[in-house]
Amino acid sequence: MRTFIAIEFSEKLKEYLDSLSKKIATYSKTGNFTKKENYHLTLRFIGETDKSDIELLCCAIQETSMRNKGFELPLNKLGEFKRNGKSIVWAGVSDEKKELSRLFASLEKSLEAEGFPREKKGLNPHITLGREVSLIKEPAFFEEYLKDAALIPFKEISLMESVRTGQGLVYRRLFSEVLKK
């Protein structure tokens, strides 16, 4: 099974991201835009995982949750990762107080204690709005839509499974734990 560790969002935040994605789609020649129910922020991509490792991942999440408290960050950036003339368009957060960086470092430490190697790339916090997007306007054009963006609450960590179905990707929560400290 294919897994990742993420921050899930409220329906209200998913609706906001969906409306932002739809605005961007109107200024795009092409693109596969994220389904509303799939919006999340990935803390750590795990990849193919044996069922026997699920318990270890849950232990790492529990340990991380016990050592960290919840916080909120503003959604205040838009950008793109360019590939072969098309882009992955994303929305991002600023981590000025380094709260998200501390949470990620704590998660990495807990995962390493359970036998998972550290992430080589580090954390690049973003929410994918669309893949294979060919924009007519630069991402900065859309930043005016972020003026009234809500804060993203980081209050719970979830272990997710990514399942490919006939209707595309479906993300299923396997486990979650509230940040407690």
Protein backbone atom coordinates (compact mmCIF):
# COMPACT_ATOMS: atom_id res chain seq x y z
CA MET A 1 0.00 0.00 0.00
CA ARG A 2 1.11 3.56 -0.76
CA THR A 3 1.17 5.82 2.31
CA PHE A 4 2.00 9.33 3.47
CA ILE A 5 1.70 11.40 6.64
CA ALA A 6 -0.39 14.55 6.34
CA ILE A 7 -2.36 17.37 7.85
CA GLU A 8 -6.00 17.02 6.81
CA PHE A 9 -8.27 20.03 6.30
CA SER A 10 -11.75 21.08 7.37
CA GLU A 11 -14.56 21.17 4.81
CA LYS A 12 -14.50 24.97 4.93
CA LEU A 13 -10.81 25.08 4.01
CA LYS A 14 -11.31 22.46 1.28
CA GLU A 15 -14.11 24.59 -0.19
CA TYR A 16 -11.82 27.64 -0.17
CA LEU A 17 -9.01 25.71 -1.89
CA ASP A 18 -11.47 24.32 -4.42
CA SER A 19 -12.70 27.82 -5.31
CA LEU A 20 -9.09 29.00 -5.64
CA SER A 21 -8.31 26.03 -7.88
CA LYS A 22 -11.32 26.79 -10.08
CA LYS A 23 -10.20 30.42 -10.49
CA ILE A 24 -6.75 29.22 -11.53
CA ALA A 25 -8.31 26.71 -13.95
CA THR A 26 -10.02 29.57 -15.80
CA TYR A 27 -6.53 30.95 -16.57
CA SER A 28 -5.11 27.61 -17.67
CA LYS A 29 -4.97 25.97 -21.07
CA THR A 30 -4.85 22.48 -19.53
CA GLY A 31 -4.60 20.82 -16.14
CA ASN A 32 -5.69 18.04 -13.83
CA PHE A 33 -6.99 19.87 -10.77
CA THR A 34 -7.18 18.30 -7.33
CA LYS A 35 -10.57 16.99 -6.21
CA LYS A 36 -11.98 18.88 -3.24
CA GLU A 37 -11.92 15.83 -0.96
CA ASN A 38 -8.20 15.26 -1.65
CA TYR A 39 -6.77 18.55 -0.36
CA HIS A 40 -4.15 18.07 2.37
CA LEU A 41 -0.62 19.10 3.29
CA THR A 42 1.90 16.25 3.15
CA LEU A 43 4.36 16.22 6.03
CA ARG A 44 6.16 13.11 4.83
CA PHE A 45 5.69 10.85 1.83
CA ILE A 46 6.39 7.25 2.83
CA GLY A 47 5.62 5.38 -0.40
CA GLU A 48 5.06 1.64 -0.73
CA THR A 49 4.52 0.28 2.77
CA ASP A 50 4.13 -3.25 4.10
CA LYS A 51 1.09 -3.76 6.30
CA SER A 52 3.48 -4.84 9.05
CA ASP A 53 4.99 -1.31 9.07
CA ILE A 54 1.66 0.47 9.68
CA GLU A 55 1.91 -0.04 13.43
CA LEU A 56 5.42 1.46 13.42
CA LEU A 57 4.19 4.50 11.50
CA CYS A 58 1.33 4.92 13.98
CA CYS A 59 3.80 4.75 16.89
CA ALA A 60 5.92 7.48 15.26
CA ILE A 61 2.84 9.67 14.83
CA GLN A 62 1.80 9.11 18.46
CA GLU A 63 5.29 9.98 19.70
CA THR A 64 5.38 13.12 17.56
CA SER A 65 1.90 14.16 18.72
CA MET A 66 2.86 13.84 22.38
CA ARG A 67 5.90 16.14 21.88
CA ASN A 68 4.17 18.90 19.89
CA LYS A 69 1.33 21.35 20.32
CA GLY A 70 -1.08 22.60 17.68
CA PHE A 71 -0.61 25.85 15.80
CA GLU A 72 -1.97 27.75 12.80
CA LEU A 73 -0.20 29.14 9.74
CA PRO A 74 -1.53 31.50 7.07
CA LEU A 75 -2.02 30.27 3.55
CA ASN A 76 -0.16 33.06 1.78
CA LYS A 77 1.83 31.80 -1.21
CA LEU A 78 1.16 30.41 -4.66
CA GLY A 79 3.73 28.81 -6.88
CA GLU A 80 4.52 26.18 -9.43
CA PHE A 81 6.98 23.38 -9.96
CA LYS A 82 7.73 23.40 -13.69
CA ARG A 83 8.23 20.18 -15.64
CA ASN A 84 8.38 19.77 -19.40
CA GLY A 85 6.39 22.93 -20.16
CA LYS A 86 3.65 22.13 -17.64
CA SER A 87 3.44 22.75 -13.92
CA ILE A 88 2.28 21.50 -10.60
CA VAL A 89 0.47 24.53 -9.16
CA TRP A 90 0.45 24.81 -5.38
CA ALA A 91 -0.58 26.97 -2.44
CA GLY A 92 1.81 27.31 0.49
CA VAL A 93 2.34 28.63 3.98
CA SER A 94 4.99 30.75 5.69
CA ASP A 95 6.65 29.20 8.70
CA GLU A 96 8.14 32.35 10.23
CA LYS A 97 8.05 31.00 13.80
CA LYS A 98 9.48 27.66 12.60
CA GLU A 99 6.57 25.73 14.16
CA LEU A 100 6.09 23.54 11.10
CA SER A 101 9.84 22.97 10.81
CA ARG A 102 9.93 21.80 14.44
CA LEU A 103 6.96 19.49 13.88
CA PHE A 104 8.65 18.01 10.80
CA ALA A 105 11.98 17.53 12.65
CA SER A 106 10.15 15.82 15.50
CA LEU A 107 8.32 13.53 13.06
CA GLU A 108 11.60 12.69 11.31
CA LYS A 109 13.18 11.77 14.67
CA SER A 110 10.22 9.54 15.58
CA LEU A 111 10.20 7.85 12.17
CA GLU A 112 13.95 7.23 12.36
CA ALA A 113 13.52 5.65 15.80
CA GLU A 114 11.02 3.25 14.20
CA GLY A 115 13.46 2.31 11.44
CA PHE A 116 12.43 4.64 8.61
CA PRO A 117 15.23 6.59 6.87
CA ARG A 118 15.21 10.38 7.08
CA GLU A 119 13.76 12.39 4.23
CA LYS A 120 16.65 13.62 2.09
CA LYS A 121 14.79 16.54 0.50
CA GLY A 122 13.51 18.08 3.74
CA LEU A 123 10.09 19.70 4.04
CA ASN A 124 8.60 21.77 1.24
CA PRO A 125 5.14 22.60 2.66
CA HIS A 126 2.59 23.00 -0.13
CA ILE A 127 -0.92 22.02 -1.11
CA THR A 128 -1.21 20.71 -4.66
CA LEU A 129 -3.98 22.52 -6.53
CA GLY A 130 -3.34 21.04 -9.97
CA ARG A 131 -0.98 18.85 -11.98
CA GLU A 132 0.05 19.12 -15.63
CA VAL A 133 -1.22 22.70 -15.63
CA SER A 134 -0.38 25.04 -18.48
CA LEU A 135 -0.97 28.52 -17.03
CA ILE A 136 -1.85 31.57 -19.09
CA LYS A 137 -0.92 33.85 -16.14
CA GLU A 138 1.98 33.59 -13.67
CA PRO A 139 1.16 32.27 -10.16
CA ALA A 140 1.75 35.74 -8.67
CA PHE A 141 -1.36 36.89 -10.59
CA PHE A 142 -3.52 34.73 -8.32
CA GLU A 143 -2.08 35.92 -5.01
CA GLU A 144 -4.79 38.58 -4.75
CA TYR A 145 -7.17 35.69 -4.07
CA LEU A 146 -5.18 34.82 -0.95
CA LYS A 147 -5.90 38.12 0.81
CA ASP A 148 -8.84 36.66 2.73
CA ALA A 149 -7.39 33.17 3.10
CA ALA A 150 -8.06 31.36 6.33
CA LEU A 151 -5.41 30.07 8.66
CA ILE A 152 -4.50 26.42 8.29
CA PRO A 153 -4.79 24.61 11.62
CA PHE A 154 -2.06 22.10 12.40
CA LYS A 155 -3.82 20.21 15.18
CA GLU A 156 -3.76 16.59 14.10
CA ILE A 157 -1.42 14.30 12.16
CA SER A 158 -2.86 11.57 9.93
CA LEU A 159 -1.44 8.47 8.28
CA MET A 160 -3.03 8.27 4.85
CA GLU A 161 -3.28 5.63 2.16
CA SER A 162 -3.34 6.64 -1.50
CA VAL A 163 -5.51 4.35 -3.62
CA ARG A 164 -5.89 4.65 -7.39
CA THR A 165 -9.47 3.93 -8.49
CA GLY A 166 -11.38 4.28 -11.75
CA GLN A 167 -12.31 7.80 -10.59
CA GLY A 168 -8.71 8.79 -9.82
CA LEU A 169 -6.84 8.97 -6.52
CA VAL A 170 -8.66 8.46 -3.26
CA TYR A 171 -6.98 9.22 0.06
CA ARG A 172 -8.06 7.16 3.06
CA ARG A 173 -7.16 7.93 6.64
CA LEU A 174 -5.62 4.89 8.33
CA PHE A 175 -4.80 6.57 11.66
CA SER A 176 -4.70 10.02 13.23
CA GLU A 177 -3.53 11.61 16.44
CA VAL A 178 -4.17 15.07 17.91
CA LEU A 179 -1.14 17.19 18.83
CA LYS A 180 -1.16 17.23 22.64
CA LYS A 181 1.63 19.23 24.21
